[in-house]
Amino acid sequence: MTKEIVAALDRARPVTCVRITGGAFRAPLRRRAVGAMIDRPAVFVSGSEGTALGAAALGPHALGRAPDLAAAPSLLGPA
């Protein structure tokens, strides 16, 4: 299912890597397995705020206040 989701996202905008979080993905083997499954790098985001930060970044991006999704977290203010 994950590969199909990434393929669907690719049709809207190319997905160059996937950021993942959680204890299971601290193991490099699991990150490589996910990366192989979706044919893209899977980058581990340390810290427990990774998922919340990603969700919060979608707001400014969806509202057109960020030039791209990568720039959106910088608009959220200090942690």
PDB file of N, CA and C in Angstrom:
ATOM      1  N   MET A   1       0.813  -1.189   0.000  1.00  0.00           N
ATOM      2  CA  MET A   1       0.000   0.000   0.000  1.00  0.00           C
ATOM      3  C   MET A   1       0.864   1.265   0.000  1.00  0.00           C
ATOM      4  N   THR A   2       1.974   1.248   0.736  1.00  0.00           N
ATOM      5  CA  THR A   2       2.839   2.425   0.817  1.00  0.00           C
ATOM      6  C   THR A   2       3.372   2.809  -0.557  1.00  0.00           C
ATOM      7  N   LYS A   3       3.774   1.825  -1.338  1.00  0.00           N
ATOM      8  CA  LYS A   3       4.306   2.106  -2.669  1.00  0.00           C
ATOM      9  C   LYS A   3       3.250   2.770  -3.549  1.00  0.00           C
ATOM     10  N   GLU A   4       1.990   2.344  -3.421  1.00  0.00           N
ATOM     11  CA  GLU A   4       0.904   2.938  -4.199  1.00  0.00           C
ATOM     12  C   GLU A   4       0.646   4.384  -3.766  1.00  0.00           C
ATOM     13  N   ILE A   5       0.758   4.648  -2.478  1.00  0.00           N
ATOM     14  CA  ILE A   5       0.563   6.015  -1.978  1.00  0.00           C
ATOM     15  C   ILE A   5       1.653   6.931  -2.519  1.00  0.00           C
ATOM     16  N   VAL A   6       2.898   6.470  -2.476  1.00  0.00           N
ATOM     17  CA  VAL A   6       4.006   7.277  -2.995  1.00  0.00           C
ATOM     18  C   VAL A   6       3.832   7.504  -4.490  1.00  0.00           C
ATOM     19  N   ALA A   7       3.389   6.492  -5.214  1.00  0.00           N
ATOM     20  CA  ALA A   7       3.158   6.652  -6.659  1.00  0.00           C
ATOM     21  C   ALA A   7       2.071   7.690  -6.929  1.00  0.00           C
ATOM     22  N   ALA A   8       1.018   7.680  -6.120  1.00  0.00           N
ATOM     23  CA  ALA A   8      -0.048   8.664  -6.292  1.00  0.00           C
ATOM     24  C   ALA A   8       0.460  10.073  -5.987  1.00  0.00           C
ATOM     25  N   LEU A   9       1.263  10.210  -4.938  1.00  0.00           N
ATOM     26  CA  LEU A   9       1.850  11.511  -4.613  1.00  0.00           C
ATOM     27  C   LEU A   9       2.781  11.984  -5.716  1.00  0.00           C
ATOM     28  N   ASP A  10       3.502  11.051  -6.329  1.00  0.00           N
ATOM     29  CA  ASP A  10       4.415  11.373  -7.428  1.00  0.00           C
ATOM     30  C   ASP A  10       3.681  12.036  -8.596  1.00  0.00           C
ATOM     31  N   ARG A  11       2.445  11.663  -8.805  1.00  0.00           N
ATOM     32  CA  ARG A  11       1.685  12.254  -9.912  1.00  0.00           C
ATOM     33  C   ARG A  11       1.405  13.735  -9.649  1.00  0.00           C
ATOM     34  N   ALA A  12       1.298  14.122  -8.376  1.00  0.00           N
ATOM     35  CA  ALA A  12       1.071  15.523  -8.034  1.00  0.00           C
ATOM     36  C   ALA A  12       2.381  16.301  -7.975  1.00  0.00           C
ATOM     37  N   ARG A  13       3.373  15.686  -7.340  1.00  0.00           N
ATOM     38  CA  ARG A  13       4.692  16.307  -7.190  1.00  0.00           C
ATOM     39  C   ARG A  13       5.680  15.195  -6.894  1.00  0.00           C
ATOM     40  N   PRO A  14       6.823  15.186  -7.572  1.00  0.00           N
ATOM     41  CA  PRO A  14       7.781  14.100  -7.352  1.00  0.00           C
ATOM     42  C   PRO A  14       8.221  13.971  -5.894  1.00  0.00           C
ATOM     43  N   VAL A  15       8.210  12.760  -5.407  1.00  0.00           N
ATOM     44  CA  VAL A  15       8.655  12.448  -4.043  1.00  0.00           C
ATOM     45  C   VAL A  15      10.112  12.012  -4.145  1.00  0.00           C
ATOM     46  N   THR A  16      11.015  12.794  -3.556  1.00  0.00           N
ATOM     47  CA  THR A  16      12.442  12.475  -3.663  1.00  0.00           C
ATOM     48  C   THR A  16      12.945  11.644  -2.493  1.00  0.00           C
ATOM     49  N   CYS A  17      12.293  11.756  -1.339  1.00  0.00           N
ATOM     50  CA  CYS A  17      12.647  10.944  -0.179  1.00  0.00           C
ATOM     51  C   CYS A  17      11.458  10.932   0.773  1.00  0.00           C
ATOM     52  N   VAL A  18      11.487  10.017   1.712  1.00  0.00           N
ATOM     53  CA  VAL A  18      10.431   9.915   2.713  1.00  0.00           C
ATOM     54  C   VAL A  18      11.079  10.027   4.082  1.00  0.00           C
ATOM     55  N   ARG A  19      10.547  10.883   4.919  1.00  0.00           N
ATOM     56  CA  ARG A  19      11.052  11.036   6.288  1.00  0.00           C
ATOM     57  C   ARG A  19      10.230  10.146   7.204  1.00  0.00           C
ATOM     58  N   ILE A  20      10.915   9.381   8.030  1.00  0.00           N
ATOM     59  CA  ILE A  20      10.225   8.462   8.931  1.00  0.00           C
ATOM     60  C   ILE A  20      10.697   8.687  10.355  1.00  0.00           C
ATOM     61  N   THR A  21       9.850   8.340  11.297  1.00  0.00           N
ATOM     62  CA  THR A  21      10.157   8.522  12.706  1.00  0.00           C
ATOM     63  C   THR A  21       9.655   7.320  13.486  1.00  0.00           C
ATOM     64  N   GLY A  22      10.127   7.177  14.689  1.00  0.00           N
ATOM     65  CA  GLY A  22       9.684   6.077  15.536  1.00  0.00           C
ATOM     66  C   GLY A  22      10.811   5.106  15.821  1.00  0.00           C
ATOM     67  N   GLY A  23      10.699   4.449  16.956  1.00  0.00           N
ATOM     68  CA  GLY A  23      11.747   3.545  17.408  1.00  0.00           C
ATOM     69  C   GLY A  23      12.081   2.431  16.440  1.00  0.00           C
ATOM     70  N   ALA A  24      11.094   1.924  15.736  1.00  0.00           N
ATOM     71  CA  ALA A  24      11.342   0.818  14.802  1.00  0.00           C
ATOM     72  C   ALA A  24      12.306   1.219  13.685  1.00  0.00           C
ATOM     73  N   PHE A  25      12.299   2.486  13.318  1.00  0.00           N
ATOM     74  CA  PHE A  25      13.126   2.924  12.199  1.00  0.00           C
ATOM     75  C   PHE A  25      14.497   3.442  12.616  1.00  0.00           C
ATOM     76  N   ARG A  26      14.843   3.284  13.872  1.00  0.00           N
ATOM     77  CA  ARG A  26      16.217   3.602  14.292  1.00  0.00           C
ATOM     78  C   ARG A  26      17.190   2.584  13.706  1.00  0.00           C
ATOM     79  N   ALA A  27      16.679   1.401  13.413  1.00  0.00           N
ATOM     80  CA  ALA A  27      17.504   0.337  12.836  1.00  0.00           C
ATOM     81  C   ALA A  27      17.710   0.610  11.344  1.00  0.00           C
ATOM     82  N   PRO A  28      18.964   0.737  10.908  1.00  0.00           N
ATOM     83  CA  PRO A  28      19.239   1.011   9.498  1.00  0.00           C
ATOM     84  C   PRO A  28      18.621  -0.019   8.548  1.00  0.00           C
ATOM     85  N   LEU A  29      18.565  -1.277   8.967  1.00  0.00           N
ATOM     86  CA  LEU A  29      18.004  -2.312   8.103  1.00  0.00           C
ATOM     87  C   LEU A  29      16.537  -2.011   7.777  1.00  0.00           C
ATOM     88  N   ARG A  30      15.781  -1.568   8.748  1.00  0.00           N
ATOM     89  CA  ARG A  30      14.370  -1.249   8.501  1.00  0.00           C
ATOM     90  C   ARG A  30      14.224  -0.032   7.598  1.00  0.00           C
ATOM     91  N   ARG A  31      15.078   0.956   7.773  1.00  0.00           N
ATOM     92  CA  ARG A  31      15.030   2.131   6.879  1.00  0.00           C
ATOM     93  C   ARG A  31      15.365   1.723   5.454  1.00  0.00           C
ATOM     94  N   ARG A  32      16.369   0.877   5.301  1.00  0.00           N
ATOM     95  CA  ARG A  32      16.723   0.408   3.955  1.00  0.00           C
ATOM     96  C   ARG A  32      15.596  -0.405   3.340  1.00  0.00           C
ATOM     97  N   ALA A  33      14.913  -1.196   4.156  1.00  0.00           N
ATOM     98  CA  ALA A  33      13.799  -2.001   3.641  1.00  0.00           C
ATOM     99  C   ALA A  33      12.674  -1.105   3.128  1.00  0.00           C
ATOM    100  N   VAL A  34      12.340  -0.063   3.898  1.00  0.00           N
ATOM    101  CA  VAL A  34      11.300   0.863   3.460  1.00  0.00           C
ATOM    102  C   VAL A  34      11.751   1.587   2.198  1.00  0.00           C
ATOM    103  N   GLY A  35      12.991   2.045   2.184  1.00  0.00           N
ATOM    104  CA  GLY A  35      13.520   2.729   1.007  1.00  0.00           C
ATOM    105  C   GLY A  35      13.481   1.856  -0.235  1.00  0.00           C
ATOM    106  N   ALA A  36      13.819   0.589  -0.081  1.00  0.00           N
ATOM    107  CA  ALA A  36      13.781  -0.339  -1.211  1.00  0.00           C
ATOM    108  C   ALA A  36      12.343  -0.564  -1.674  1.00  0.00           C
ATOM    109  N   MET A  37      11.432  -0.624  -0.726  1.00  0.00           N
ATOM    110  CA  MET A  37      10.034  -0.874  -1.062  1.00  0.00           C
ATOM    111  C   MET A  37       9.442   0.274  -1.880  1.00  0.00           C
ATOM    112  N   ILE A  38       9.823   1.506  -1.548  1.00  0.00           N
ATOM    113  CA  ILE A  38       9.259   2.662  -2.250  1.00  0.00           C
ATOM    114  C   ILE A  38      10.218   3.230  -3.296  1.00  0.00           C
ATOM    115  N   ASP A  39      11.395   2.623  -3.412  1.00  0.00           N
ATOM    116  CA  ASP A  39      12.414   3.035  -4.392  1.00  0.00           C
ATOM    117  C   ASP A  39      12.832   4.493  -4.216  1.00  0.00           C
ATOM    118  N   ARG A  40      12.978   4.880  -2.942  1.00  0.00           N
ATOM    119  CA  ARG A  40      13.428   6.232  -2.588  1.00  0.00           C
ATOM    120  C   ARG A  40      14.153   6.163  -1.255  1.00  0.00           C
ATOM    121  N   PRO A  41      15.002   7.131  -0.955  1.00  0.00           N
ATOM    122  CA  PRO A  41      15.643   7.127   0.359  1.00  0.00           C
ATOM    123  C   PRO A  41      14.615   7.317   1.482  1.00  0.00           C
ATOM    124  N   ALA A  42      14.778   6.576   2.555  1.00  0.00           N
ATOM    125  CA  ALA A  42      13.962   6.746   3.757  1.00  0.00           C
ATOM    126  C   ALA A  42      14.874   7.351   4.817  1.00  0.00           C
ATOM    127  N   VAL A  43      14.599   8.583   5.206  1.00  0.00           N
ATOM    128  CA  VAL A  43      15.446   9.344   6.116  1.00  0.00           C
ATOM    129  C   VAL A  43      14.817   9.347   7.505  1.00  0.00           C
ATOM    130  N   PHE A  44      15.583   8.931   8.505  1.00  0.00           N
ATOM    131  CA  PHE A  44      15.087   8.898   9.880  1.00  0.00           C
ATOM    132  C   PHE A  44      15.135  10.293  10.470  1.00  0.00           C
ATOM    133  N   VAL A  45      14.027  10.728  11.053  1.00  0.00           N
ATOM    134  CA  VAL A  45      13.941  12.018  11.730  1.00  0.00           C
ATOM    135  C   VAL A  45      14.001  11.740  13.224  1.00  0.00           C
ATOM    136  N   SER A  46      15.059  12.211  13.868  1.00  0.00           N
ATOM    137  CA  SER A  46      15.193  11.952  15.297  1.00  0.00           C
ATOM    138  C   SER A  46      14.276  12.870  16.089  1.00  0.00           C
ATOM    139  N   GLY A  47      13.963  12.457  17.280  1.00  0.00           N
ATOM    140  CA  GLY A  47      13.101  13.254  18.138  1.00  0.00           C
ATOM    141  C   GLY A  47      11.645  12.860  17.972  1.00  0.00           C
ATOM    142  N   SER A  48      10.897  13.097  19.005  1.00  0.00           N
ATOM    143  CA  SER A  48       9.494  12.705  18.990  1.00  0.00           C
ATOM    144  C   SER A  48       8.600  13.692  18.245  1.00  0.00           C
ATOM    145  N   GLU A  49       9.133  14.842  17.868  1.00  0.00           N
ATOM    146  CA  GLU A  49       8.298  15.847  17.230  1.00  0.00           C
ATOM    147  C   GLU A  49       8.227  15.708  15.719  1.00  0.00           C
ATOM    148  N   GLY A  50       8.881  14.732  15.137  1.00  0.00           N
ATOM    149  CA  GLY A  50       8.926  14.598  13.678  1.00  0.00           C
ATOM    150  C   GLY A  50       7.564  14.554  13.019  1.00  0.00           C
ATOM    151  N   THR A  51       6.674  13.731  13.526  1.00  0.00           N
ATOM    152  CA  THR A  51       5.349  13.606  12.931  1.00  0.00           C
ATOM    153  C   THR A  51       4.541  14.885  13.115  1.00  0.00           C
ATOM    154  N   ALA A  52       4.580  15.465  14.304  1.00  0.00           N
ATOM    155  CA  ALA A  52       3.829  16.694  14.565  1.00  0.00           C
ATOM    156  C   ALA A  52       4.354  17.840  13.713  1.00  0.00           C
ATOM    157  N   LEU A  53       5.651  17.929  13.555  1.00  0.00           N
ATOM    158  CA  LEU A  53       6.232  18.995  12.737  1.00  0.00           C
ATOM    159  C   LEU A  53       5.794  18.856  11.289  1.00  0.00           C
ATOM    160  N   GLY A  54       5.807  17.641  10.789  1.00  0.00           N
ATOM    161  CA  GLY A  54       5.358  17.419   9.410  1.00  0.00           C
ATOM    162  C   GLY A  54       3.911  17.813   9.212  1.00  0.00           C
ATOM    163  N   ALA A  55       3.065  17.444  10.165  1.00  0.00           N
ATOM    164  CA  ALA A  55       1.651  17.794  10.073  1.00  0.00           C
ATOM    165  C   ALA A  55       1.454  19.307  10.151  1.00  0.00           C
ATOM    166  N   ALA A  56       2.183  19.955  11.043  1.00  0.00           N
ATOM    167  CA  ALA A  56       2.064  21.411  11.187  1.00  0.00           C
ATOM    168  C   ALA A  56       2.564  22.129   9.937  1.00  0.00           C
ATOM    169  N   ALA A  57       3.583  21.600   9.289  1.00  0.00           N
ATOM    170  CA  ALA A  57       4.142  22.232   8.097  1.00  0.00           C
ATOM    171  C   ALA A  57       3.167  22.199   6.922  1.00  0.00           C
ATOM    172  N   LEU A  58       2.258  21.251   6.935  1.00  0.00           N
ATOM    173  CA  LEU A  58       1.287  21.181   5.843  1.00  0.00           C
ATOM    174  C   LEU A  58       0.380  22.414   5.804  1.00  0.00           C
ATOM    175  N   GLY A  59       0.129  23.034   6.958  1.00  0.00           N
ATOM    176  CA  GLY A  59      -0.739  24.208   7.016  1.00  0.00           C
ATOM    177  C   GLY A  59      -0.243  25.367   6.170  1.00  0.00           C
ATOM    178  N   PRO A  60       0.947  25.916   6.468  1.00  0.00           N
ATOM    179  CA  PRO A  60       1.443  27.040   5.654  1.00  0.00           C
ATOM    180  C   PRO A  60       1.611  26.666   4.182  1.00  0.00           C
ATOM    181  N   HIS A  61       1.983  25.426   3.939  1.00  0.00           N
ATOM    182  CA  HIS A  61       2.140  24.992   2.551  1.00  0.00           C
ATOM    183  C   HIS A  61       0.789  24.981   1.835  1.00  0.00           C
ATOM    184  N   ALA A  62      -0.235  24.421   2.478  1.00  0.00           N
ATOM    185  CA  ALA A  62      -1.562  24.349   1.866  1.00  0.00           C
ATOM    186  C   ALA A  62      -2.162  25.736   1.652  1.00  0.00           C
ATOM    187  N   LEU A  63      -1.832  26.677   2.540  1.00  0.00           N
ATOM    188  CA  LEU A  63      -2.348  28.037   2.416  1.00  0.00           C
ATOM    189  C   LEU A  63      -1.557  28.895   1.431  1.00  0.00           C
ATOM    190  N   GLY A  64      -0.506  28.330   0.861  1.00  0.00           N
ATOM    191  CA  GLY A  64       0.299  29.077  -0.102  1.00  0.00           C
ATOM    192  C   GLY A  64       1.254  30.060   0.547  1.00  0.00           C
ATOM    193  N   ARG A  65       1.513  29.919   1.835  1.00  0.00           N
ATOM    194  CA  ARG A  65       2.416  30.841   2.532  1.00  0.00           C
ATOM    195  C   ARG A  65       3.863  30.374   2.509  1.00  0.00           C
ATOM    196  N   ALA A  66       4.095  29.175   2.014  1.00  0.00           N
ATOM    197  CA  ALA A  66       5.454  28.641   1.893  1.00  0.00           C
ATOM    198  C   ALA A  66       5.690  28.320   0.420  1.00  0.00           C
ATOM    199  N   PRO A  67       6.863  28.662  -0.102  1.00  0.00           N
ATOM    200  CA  PRO A  67       7.133  28.401  -1.522  1.00  0.00           C
ATOM    201  C   PRO A  67       7.125  26.909  -1.863  1.00  0.00           C
ATOM    202  N   ASP A  68       7.473  26.088  -0.872  1.00  0.00           N
ATOM    203  CA  ASP A  68       7.429  24.634  -1.034  1.00  0.00           C
ATOM    204  C   ASP A  68       7.364  23.996   0.341  1.00  0.00           C
ATOM    205  N   LEU A  69       7.109  22.699   0.357  1.00  0.00           N
ATOM    206  CA  LEU A  69       6.936  22.016   1.632  1.00  0.00           C
ATOM    207  C   LEU A  69       8.217  22.016   2.459  1.00  0.00           C
ATOM    208  N   ALA A  70       9.362  21.977   1.820  1.00  0.00           N
ATOM    209  CA  ALA A  70      10.626  21.987   2.545  1.00  0.00           C
ATOM    210  C   ALA A  70      10.833  23.293   3.316  1.00  0.00           C
ATOM    211  N   ALA A  71      10.286  24.388   2.817  1.00  0.00           N
ATOM    212  CA  ALA A  71      10.449  25.687   3.472  1.00  0.00           C
ATOM    213  C   ALA A  71       9.413  25.928   4.575  1.00  0.00           C
ATOM    214  N   ALA A  72       8.341  25.179   4.569  1.00  0.00           N
ATOM    215  CA  ALA A  72       7.245  25.413   5.514  1.00  0.00           C
ATOM    216  C   ALA A  72       7.640  25.330   6.984  1.00  0.00           C
ATOM    217  N   PRO A  73       8.454  24.350   7.427  1.00  0.00           N
ATOM    218  CA  PRO A  73       8.793  24.297   8.863  1.00  0.00           C
ATOM    219  C   PRO A  73       9.465  25.559   9.383  1.00  0.00           C
ATOM    220  N   SER A  74      10.229  26.243   8.553  1.00  0.00           N
ATOM    221  CA  SER A  74      10.913  27.456   9.023  1.00  0.00           C
ATOM    222  C   SER A  74       9.923  28.580   9.330  1.00  0.00           C
ATOM    223  N   LEU A  75       8.705  28.483   8.838  1.00  0.00           N
ATOM    224  CA  LEU A  75       7.702  29.505   9.097  1.00  0.00           C
ATOM    225  C   LEU A  75       6.935  29.275  10.391  1.00  0.00           C
ATOM    226  N   LEU A  76       7.200  28.167  11.058  1.00  0.00           N
ATOM    227  CA  LEU A  76       6.443  27.813  12.246  1.00  0.00           C
ATOM    228  C   LEU A  76       6.956  28.464  13.523  1.00  0.00           C
ATOM    229  N   GLY A  77       8.101  29.074  13.487  1.00  0.00           N
ATOM    230  CA  GLY A  77       8.635  29.725  14.673  1.00  0.00           C
ATOM    231  C   GLY A  77       9.536  28.814  15.469  1.00  0.00           C
ATOM    232  N   PRO A  78      10.080  29.342  16.568  1.00  0.00           N
ATOM    233  CA  PRO A  78      11.021  28.546  17.371  1.00  0.00           C
ATOM    234  C   PRO A  78      10.338  27.353  18.033  1.00  0.00           C
ATOM    235  N   ALA A  79      11.128  26.314  18.253  1.00  0.00           N
ATOM    236  CA  ALA A  79      10.602  25.104  18.881  1.00  0.00           C
ATOM    237  C   ALA A  79      10.477  25.297  20.377  1.00  0.00           C
TER     238      ALA A  79
END
